[in-house]
PDB file of N, CA and C in Angstrom:
ATOM      1  N   MET A   1      74.694  93.797 114.799  1.00  0.00           N
ATOM      2  CA  MET A   1      75.684  93.851 114.559  1.00  0.00           C
ATOM      3  C   MET A   1      76.633  92.441 113.852  1.00  0.00           C
ATOM      4  N   LYS A   2      77.738  92.798 112.965  1.00  0.00           N
ATOM      5  CA  LYS A   2      77.721  91.525 112.065  1.00  0.00           C
ATOM      6  C   LYS A   2      78.885  90.769 112.870  1.00  0.00           C
ATOM      7  N   LYS A   3      78.533  89.305 112.747  1.00  0.00           N
ATOM      8  CA  LYS A   3      80.048  88.563 112.933  1.00  0.00           C
ATOM      9  C   LYS A   3      80.813  89.037 112.427  1.00  0.00           C
ATOM     10  N   LYS A   4      82.479  88.914 113.177  1.00  0.00           N
ATOM     11  CA  LYS A   4      83.354  88.786 112.584  1.00  0.00           C
ATOM     12  C   LYS A   4      83.324  87.492 111.524  1.00  0.00           C
ATOM     13  N   PHE A   5      84.365  87.867 110.603  1.00  0.00           N
ATOM     14  CA  PHE A   5      84.549  86.597 109.574  1.00  0.00           C
ATOM     15  C   PHE A   5      86.188  85.599 110.492  1.00  0.00           C
ATOM     16  N   PRO A   6      85.810  84.505 110.608  1.00  0.00           N
ATOM     17  CA  PRO A   6      86.689  83.708 111.454  1.00  0.00           C
ATOM     18  C   PRO A   6      87.937  83.562 110.705  1.00  0.00           C
ATOM     19  N   LYS A   7      88.936  83.086 111.743  1.00  0.00           N
ATOM     20  CA  LYS A   7      90.199  82.809 110.688  1.00  0.00           C
ATOM     21  C   LYS A   7      90.080  81.005 110.788  1.00  0.00           C
ATOM     22  N   LEU A   8      90.274  80.773 109.113  1.00  0.00           N
ATOM     23  CA  LEU A   8      90.141  79.330 108.991  1.00  0.00           C
ATOM     24  C   LEU A   8      91.617  78.986 108.692  1.00  0.00           C
ATOM     25  N   LYS A   9      92.237  78.040 109.019  1.00  0.00           N
ATOM     26  CA  LYS A   9      93.965  77.127 109.132  1.00  0.00           C
ATOM     27  C   LYS A   9      94.129  76.714 107.885  1.00  0.00           C
ATOM     28  N   THR A  10      92.642  75.863 107.850  1.00  0.00           N
ATOM     29  CA  THR A  10      93.040  75.022 106.289  1.00  0.00           C
ATOM     30  C   THR A  10      91.975  74.923 105.650  1.00  0.00           C
ATOM     31  N   ASP A  11      92.098  74.398 104.540  1.00  0.00           N
ATOM     32  CA  ASP A  11      90.994  74.464 103.558  1.00  0.00           C
ATOM     33  C   ASP A  11      89.973  73.498 103.389  1.00  0.00           C
ATOM     34  N   LYS A  12      89.829  72.126 104.752  1.00  0.00           N
ATOM     35  CA  LYS A  12      89.085  71.362 104.852  1.00  0.00           C
ATOM     36  C   LYS A  12      88.343  72.578 106.229  1.00  0.00           C
ATOM     37  N   ALA A  13      88.450  73.275 106.678  1.00  0.00           N
ATOM     38  CA  ALA A  13      88.255  74.234 107.840  1.00  0.00           C
ATOM     39  C   ALA A  13      87.186  75.181 106.971  1.00  0.00           C
ATOM     40  N   ALA A  14      87.392  75.728 105.764  1.00  0.00           N
ATOM     41  CA  ALA A  14      87.053  76.899 104.687  1.00  0.00           C
ATOM     42  C   ALA A  14      85.838  76.123 104.140  1.00  0.00           C
ATOM     43  N   GLU A  15      86.249  74.542 103.457  1.00  0.00           N
ATOM     44  CA  GLU A  15      84.512  73.935 103.143  1.00  0.00           C
ATOM     45  C   GLU A  15      83.803  73.826 104.167  1.00  0.00           C
ATOM     46  N   THR A  16      84.182  73.318 105.061  1.00  0.00           N
ATOM     47  CA  THR A  16      82.965  73.306 106.345  1.00  0.00           C
ATOM     48  C   THR A  16      82.271  74.113 106.597  1.00  0.00           C
ATOM     49  N   PHE A  17      82.946  75.353 106.884  1.00  0.00           N
ATOM     50  CA  PHE A  17      82.569  76.883 107.311  1.00  0.00           C
ATOM     51  C   PHE A  17      81.575  77.303 106.277  1.00  0.00           C
ATOM     52  N   VAL A  18      81.694  77.280 105.101  1.00  0.00           N
ATOM     53  CA  VAL A  18      80.977  77.665 103.832  1.00  0.00           C
ATOM     54  C   VAL A  18      79.820  76.701 103.641  1.00  0.00           C
ATOM     55  N   ASP A  19      80.198  75.483 103.683  1.00  0.00           N
ATOM     56  CA  ASP A  19      78.774  74.594 103.786  1.00  0.00           C
ATOM     57  C   ASP A  19      78.045  74.605 104.847  1.00  0.00           C
ATOM     58  N   GLU A  20      78.816  75.242 106.105  1.00  0.00           N
ATOM     59  CA  GLU A  20      77.280  75.316 107.331  1.00  0.00           C
ATOM     60  C   GLU A  20      77.048  76.724 107.891  1.00  0.00           C
ATOM     61  N   ALA A  21      77.736  77.304 107.426  1.00  0.00           N
ATOM     62  CA  ALA A  21      77.337  78.912 108.263  1.00  0.00           C
ATOM     63  C   ALA A  21      76.292  79.411 107.447  1.00  0.00           C
ATOM     64  N   ASP A  22      75.576  80.556 108.012  1.00  0.00           N
ATOM     65  CA  ASP A  22      74.788  81.484 107.014  1.00  0.00           C
ATOM     66  C   ASP A  22      75.441  82.849 106.911  1.00  0.00           C
ATOM     67  N   LEU A  23      76.424  83.289 105.357  1.00  0.00           N
ATOM     68  CA  LEU A  23      76.834  83.896 105.262  1.00  0.00           C
ATOM     69  C   LEU A  23      76.936  85.537 105.612  1.00  0.00           C
ATOM     70  N   THR A  24      75.426  85.576 105.635  1.00  0.00           N
ATOM     71  CA  THR A  24      74.518  86.774 106.035  1.00  0.00           C
ATOM     72  C   THR A  24      74.714  87.596 107.313  1.00  0.00           C
ATOM     73  N   GLN A  25      74.976  86.596 108.050  1.00  0.00           N
ATOM     74  CA  GLN A  25      75.170  87.140 109.516  1.00  0.00           C
ATOM     75  C   GLN A  25      76.949  87.319 109.819  1.00  0.00           C
ATOM     76  N   TYR A  26      77.667  87.481 108.277  1.00  0.00           N
ATOM     77  CA  TYR A  26      79.241  87.944 108.461  1.00  0.00           C
ATOM     78  C   TYR A  26      79.778  89.396 108.408  1.00  0.00           C
ATOM     79  N   ASP A  27      80.352  89.942 108.613  1.00  0.00           N
ATOM     80  CA  ASP A  27      80.673  91.489 108.050  1.00  0.00           C
ATOM     81  C   ASP A  27      81.973  90.983 106.632  1.00  0.00           C
ATOM     82  N   LEU A  28      81.472  91.377 105.615  1.00  0.00           N
ATOM     83  CA  LEU A  28      82.427  90.566 105.056  1.00  0.00           C
ATOM     84  C   LEU A  28      83.014  92.049 104.078  1.00  0.00           C
ATOM     85  N   SER A  29      83.077  93.092 104.643  1.00  0.00           N
ATOM     86  CA  SER A  29      83.382  94.394 104.018  1.00  0.00           C
ATOM     87  C   SER A  29      84.988  94.208 103.917  1.00  0.00           C
ATOM     88  N   GLY A  30      85.388  93.265 104.860  1.00  0.00           N
ATOM     89  CA  GLY A  30      87.189  93.455 104.340  1.00  0.00           C
ATOM     90  C   GLY A  30      87.607  92.340 103.624  1.00  0.00           C
ATOM     91  N   MET A  31      86.479  91.776 102.825  1.00  0.00           N
ATOM     92  CA  MET A  31      87.240  90.913 101.870  1.00  0.00           C
ATOM     93  C   MET A  31      87.986  91.588 100.736  1.00  0.00           C
ATOM     94  N   LYS A  32      88.459  90.961  99.943  1.00  0.00           N
ATOM     95  CA  LYS A  32      89.014  91.232  98.809  1.00  0.00           C
ATOM     96  C   LYS A  32      88.824  90.098  97.383  1.00  0.00           C
ATOM     97  N   PRO A  33      88.457  90.705  96.460  1.00  0.00           N
ATOM     98  CA  PRO A  33      88.470  90.424  95.337  1.00  0.00           C
ATOM     99  C   PRO A  33      89.657  89.465  94.779  1.00  0.00           C
ATOM    100  N   VAL A  34      89.608  87.857  94.422  1.00  0.00           N
ATOM    101  CA  VAL A  34      90.760  87.358  94.422  1.00  0.00           C
ATOM    102  C   VAL A  34      90.621  87.039  93.080  1.00  0.00           C
ATOM    103  N   SER A  35      91.618  86.566  91.603  1.00  0.00           N
ATOM    104  CA  SER A  35      91.704  86.078  90.522  1.00  0.00           C
ATOM    105  C   SER A  35      92.612  85.176  90.711  1.00  0.00           C
ATOM    106  N   PHE A  36      92.327  84.076  89.795  1.00  0.00           N
ATOM    107  CA  PHE A  36      93.006  82.330  89.736  1.00  0.00           C
ATOM    108  C   PHE A  36      93.393  82.399  88.388  1.00  0.00           C
ATOM    109  N   GLU A  37      94.524  82.319  87.930  1.00  0.00           N
ATOM    110  CA  GLU A  37      95.556  82.127  86.517  1.00  0.00           C
ATOM    111  C   GLU A  37      95.167  80.974  86.021  1.00  0.00           C
ATOM    112  N   PHE A  38      94.546  80.012  85.111  1.00  0.00           N
ATOM    113  CA  PHE A  38      94.321  78.939  85.124  1.00  0.00           C
ATOM    114  C   PHE A  38      95.448  78.404  83.433  1.00  0.00           C
ATOM    115  N   GLN A  39      95.289  79.246  82.636  1.00  0.00           N
ATOM    116  CA  GLN A  39      95.954  79.330  81.380  1.00  0.00           C
ATOM    117  C   GLN A  39      97.330  79.004  81.775  1.00  0.00           C
ATOM    118  N   PRO A  40      97.973  78.085  80.561  1.00  0.00           N
ATOM    119  CA  PRO A  40      99.479  77.674  81.464  1.00  0.00           C
ATOM    120  C   PRO A  40     100.298  78.815  80.180  1.00  0.00           C
ATOM    121  N   LYS A  41     101.532  79.128  81.237  1.00  0.00           N
ATOM    122  CA  LYS A  41     102.617  80.005  80.947  1.00  0.00           C
ATOM    123  C   LYS A  41     103.474  79.503  79.871  1.00  0.00           C
ATOM    124  N   ASP A  42     103.112  79.292  78.546  1.00  0.00           N
ATOM    125  CA  ASP A  42     103.973  78.989  77.868  1.00  0.00           C
ATOM    126  C   ASP A  42     104.899  79.588  76.857  1.00  0.00           C
ATOM    127  N   LYS A  43     104.799  80.958  77.134  1.00  0.00           N
ATOM    128  CA  LYS A  43     105.956  81.845  76.123  1.00  0.00           C
ATOM    129  C   LYS A  43     106.295  82.851  76.999  1.00  0.00           C
ATOM    130  N   SER A  44     107.782  83.093  77.360  1.00  0.00           N
ATOM    131  CA  SER A  44     108.515  83.772  78.162  1.00  0.00           C
ATOM    132  C   SER A  44     108.985  85.386  76.667  1.00  0.00           C
ATOM    133  N   ILE A  45     109.304  86.461  77.771  1.00  0.00           N
ATOM    134  CA  ILE A  45     109.440  87.481  77.167  1.00  0.00           C
ATOM    135  C   ILE A  45     111.170  88.235  77.897  1.00  0.00           C
ATOM    136  N   THR A  46     111.693  88.946  77.535  1.00  0.00           N
ATOM    137  CA  THR A  46     112.796  89.378  78.195  1.00  0.00           C
ATOM    138  C   THR A  46     112.477  90.891  77.953  1.00  0.00           C
ATOM    139  N   MET A  47     113.048  91.741  78.916  1.00  0.00           N
ATOM    140  CA  MET A  47     112.449  93.101  79.224  1.00  0.00           C
ATOM    141  C   MET A  47     113.791  93.632  79.803  1.00  0.00           C
ATOM    142  N   ARG A  48     114.550  94.987  78.971  1.00  0.00           N
ATOM    143  CA  ARG A  48     115.029  95.811  79.804  1.00  0.00           C
ATOM    144  C   ARG A  48     114.328  96.810  80.367  1.00  0.00           C
ATOM    145  N   LEU A  49     115.027  96.781  81.462  1.00  0.00           N
ATOM    146  CA  LEU A  49     113.783  98.009  82.340  1.00  0.00           C
ATOM    147  C   LEU A  49     114.956  99.177  83.085  1.00  0.00           C
ATOM    148  N   PRO A  50     114.717 100.487  83.280  1.00  0.00           N
ATOM    149  CA  PRO A  50     115.643 100.952  84.222  1.00  0.00           C
ATOM    150  C   PRO A  50     115.632 100.736  85.478  1.00  0.00           C
ATOM    151  N   GLU A  51     116.206 100.605  86.059  1.00  0.00           N
ATOM    152  CA  GLU A  51     115.997 100.061  87.433  1.00  0.00           C
ATOM    153  C   GLU A  51     115.178 100.950  88.691  1.00  0.00           C
ATOM    154  N   THR A  52     114.478 101.958  87.907  1.00  0.00           N
ATOM    155  CA  THR A  52     114.328 102.795  89.152  1.00  0.00           C
ATOM    156  C   THR A  52     112.511 102.169  88.516  1.00  0.00           C
ATOM    157  N   LEU A  53     112.505 102.045  87.605  1.00  0.00           N
ATOM    158  CA  LEU A  53     110.559 101.197  86.820  1.00  0.00           C
ATOM    159  C   LEU A  53     110.388 100.608  87.457  1.00  0.00           C
ATOM    160  N   PHE A  54     111.595  99.014  87.386  1.00  0.00           N
ATOM    161  CA  PHE A  54     111.755  98.096  88.051  1.00  0.00           C
ATOM    162  C   PHE A  54     111.280  97.834  89.578  1.00  0.00           C
ATOM    163  N   ASP A  55     112.088  98.619  90.342  1.00  0.00           N
ATOM    164  CA  ASP A  55     111.987  99.011  91.878  1.00  0.00           C
ATOM    165  C   ASP A  55     110.011  99.584  92.290  1.00  0.00           C
ATOM    166  N   ALA A  56     109.819 100.411  91.216  1.00  0.00           N
ATOM    167  CA  ALA A  56     108.555 100.795  91.587  1.00  0.00           C
ATOM    168  C   ALA A  56     107.347  99.469  91.407  1.00  0.00           C
ATOM    169  N   ILE A  57     108.193  98.718  90.320  1.00  0.00           N
ATOM    170  CA  ILE A  57     106.865  97.792  89.852  1.00  0.00           C
ATOM    171  C   ILE A  57     106.797  96.890  90.721  1.00  0.00           C
ATOM    172  N   LYS A  58     108.138  96.763  91.627  1.00  0.00           N
ATOM    173  CA  LYS A  58     108.338  95.453  92.393  1.00  0.00           C
ATOM    174  C   LYS A  58     107.776  95.952  93.966  1.00  0.00           C
ATOM    175  N   GLU A  59     107.806  97.248  94.158  1.00  0.00           N
ATOM    176  CA  GLU A  59     106.889  98.197  95.247  1.00  0.00           C
ATOM    177  C   GLU A  59     105.468  97.928  95.095  1.00  0.00           C
ATOM    178  N   GLU A  60     105.029  98.214  94.130  1.00  0.00           N
ATOM    179  CA  GLU A  60     103.931  98.336  93.798  1.00  0.00           C
ATOM    180  C   GLU A  60     103.253  96.652  94.104  1.00  0.00           C
ATOM    181  N   ALA A  61     103.731  95.856  93.303  1.00  0.00           N
ATOM    182  CA  ALA A  61     103.612  94.376  93.313  1.00  0.00           C
ATOM    183  C   ALA A  61     102.957  93.846  95.248  1.00  0.00           C
ATOM    184  N   GLU A  62     104.298  94.731  95.617  1.00  0.00           N
ATOM    185  CA  GLU A  62     104.268  93.881  97.088  1.00  0.00           C
ATOM    186  C   GLU A  62     103.439  94.498  98.068  1.00  0.00           C
ATOM    187  N   ARG A  63     102.814  95.972  97.829  1.00  0.00           N
ATOM    188  CA  ARG A  63     101.942  96.507  97.956  1.00  0.00           C
ATOM    189  C   ARG A  63     100.366  95.704  97.430  1.00  0.00           C
ATOM    190  N   SER A  64     100.246  95.050  96.587  1.00  0.00           N
ATOM    191  CA  SER A  64      99.079  94.606  95.741  1.00  0.00           C
ATOM    192  C   SER A  64      99.166  92.806  96.200  1.00  0.00           C
ATOM    193  N   GLY A  65      99.758  92.780  97.012  1.00  0.00           N
ATOM    194  CA  GLY A  65     100.154  91.206  97.296  1.00  0.00           C
ATOM    195  C   GLY A  65     100.158  90.237  96.176  1.00  0.00           C
ATOM    196  N   VAL A  66     101.029  90.305  95.264  1.00  0.00           N
ATOM    197  CA  VAL A  66     101.144  89.184  93.970  1.00  0.00           C
ATOM    198  C   VAL A  66     102.646  89.563  93.478  1.00  0.00           C
ATOM    199  N   PRO A  67     103.208  88.676  93.288  1.00  0.00           N
ATOM    200  CA  PRO A  67     104.337  88.462  92.918  1.00  0.00           C
ATOM    201  C   PRO A  67     104.988  89.182  91.488  1.00  0.00           C
ATOM    202  N   TYR A  68     106.213  90.053  91.656  1.00  0.00           N
ATOM    203  CA  TYR A  68     106.132  91.287  90.647  1.00  0.00           C
ATOM    204  C   TYR A  68     105.611  90.402  89.103  1.00  0.00           C
ATOM    205  N   GLN A  69     106.134  89.437  88.742  1.00  0.00           N
ATOM    206  CA  GLN A  69     105.711  88.766  87.174  1.00  0.00           C
ATOM    207  C   GLN A  69     104.484  88.931  86.877  1.00  0.00           C
ATOM    208  N   ARG A  70     103.492  88.470  88.197  1.00  0.00           N
ATOM    209  CA  ARG A  70     102.541  88.275  87.854  1.00  0.00           C
ATOM    210  C   ARG A  70     101.877  89.626  87.662  1.00  0.00           C
ATOM    211  N   PHE A  71     101.986  90.528  88.869  1.00  0.00           N
ATOM    212  CA  PHE A  71     101.520  92.162  88.662  1.00  0.00           C
ATOM    213  C   PHE A  71     101.995  92.597  87.167  1.00  0.00           C
ATOM    214  N   ILE A  72     102.663  92.621  86.755  1.00  0.00           N
ATOM    215  CA  ILE A  72     103.193  92.673  85.658  1.00  0.00           C
ATOM    216  C   ILE A  72     102.414  92.177  84.262  1.00  0.00           C
ATOM    217  N   ARG A  73     102.057  90.746  84.213  1.00  0.00           N
ATOM    218  CA  ARG A  73     101.450  90.231  83.238  1.00  0.00           C
ATOM    219  C   ARG A  73      99.292  90.757  83.881  1.00  0.00           C
ATOM    220  N   GLN A  74      99.340  90.810  85.107  1.00  0.00           N
ATOM    221  CA  GLN A  74      98.246  91.730  85.245  1.00  0.00           C
ATOM    222  C   GLN A  74      98.135  93.205  84.942  1.00  0.00           C
ATOM    223  N   THR A  75      98.911  93.810  84.547  1.00  0.00           N
ATOM    224  CA  THR A  75      98.841  94.866  84.312  1.00  0.00           C
ATOM    225  C   THR A  75      98.779  94.906  82.407  1.00  0.00           C
ATOM    226  N   LEU A  76      99.989  94.014  82.433  1.00  0.00           N
ATOM    227  CA  LEU A  76      99.767  94.202  80.545  1.00  0.00           C
ATOM    228  C   LEU A  76      98.064  93.729  80.350  1.00  0.00           C
ATOM    229  N   GLU A  77      97.938  92.490  81.186  1.00  0.00           N
ATOM    230  CA  GLU A  77      95.992  91.915  80.672  1.00  0.00           C
ATOM    231  C   GLU A  77      95.187  93.582  81.082  1.00  0.00           C
ATOM    232  N   ASN A  78      95.575  93.913  81.762  1.00  0.00           N
ATOM    233  CA  ASN A  78      94.419  95.330  82.289  1.00  0.00           C
ATOM    234  C   ASN A  78      94.570  96.248  81.014  1.00  0.00           C
ATOM    235  N   ALA A  79      95.517  96.651  80.733  1.00  0.00           N
ATOM    236  CA  ALA A  79      95.673  97.573  79.539  1.00  0.00           C
ATOM    237  C   ALA A  79      95.162  97.460  78.175  1.00  0.00           C
ATOM    238  N   LEU A  80      95.108  95.766  77.854  1.00  0.00           N
ATOM    239  CA  LEU A  80      94.371  95.488  76.607  1.00  0.00           C
ATOM    240  C   LEU A  80      92.868  95.485  76.810  1.00  0.00           C
ATOM    241  N   HIS A  81      92.567  94.750  77.690  1.00  0.00           N
ATOM    242  CA  HIS A  81      91.165  94.776  78.225  1.00  0.00           C
ATOM    243  C   HIS A  81      90.299  96.234  78.061  1.00  0.00           C
ATOM    244  N   LEU A  82      91.340  97.743  78.677  1.00  0.00           N
ATOM    245  CA  LEU A  82      90.932  98.703  78.588  1.00  0.00           C
ATOM    246  C   LEU A  82      90.558  99.261  77.543  1.00  0.00           C
ATOM    247  N   GLY A  83      90.945  98.618  76.157  1.00  0.00           N
ATOM    248  CA  GLY A  83      90.755  98.949  74.628  1.00  0.00           C
ATOM    249  C   GLY A  83      89.681  98.418  74.479  1.00  0.00           C
ATOM    250  N   LYS A  84      89.320  97.116  74.823  1.00  0.00           N
ATOM    251  CA  LYS A  84      87.855  96.646  74.486  1.00  0.00           C
ATOM    252  C   LYS A  84      86.977  97.149  74.411  1.00  0.00           C
TER     253      LYS A  84
END
């Protein structure tokens, strides 16, 4: 049986753990992929949405664990990448 992944409260604790631990001994099945946004956001848009759509977007963003504006941006990016 694999070990449970420990709760790491600081960046330093996480760095030390990754440097020293044998990650093959841990159950990493609960891990989720994380994406980082590095490009500057230098343009903005204004959109008018029906309240029901806006509420649905906010709910889905909350379920995904991201702010709703990032959720909208990711959704647009995903739609564009699907066409390629």
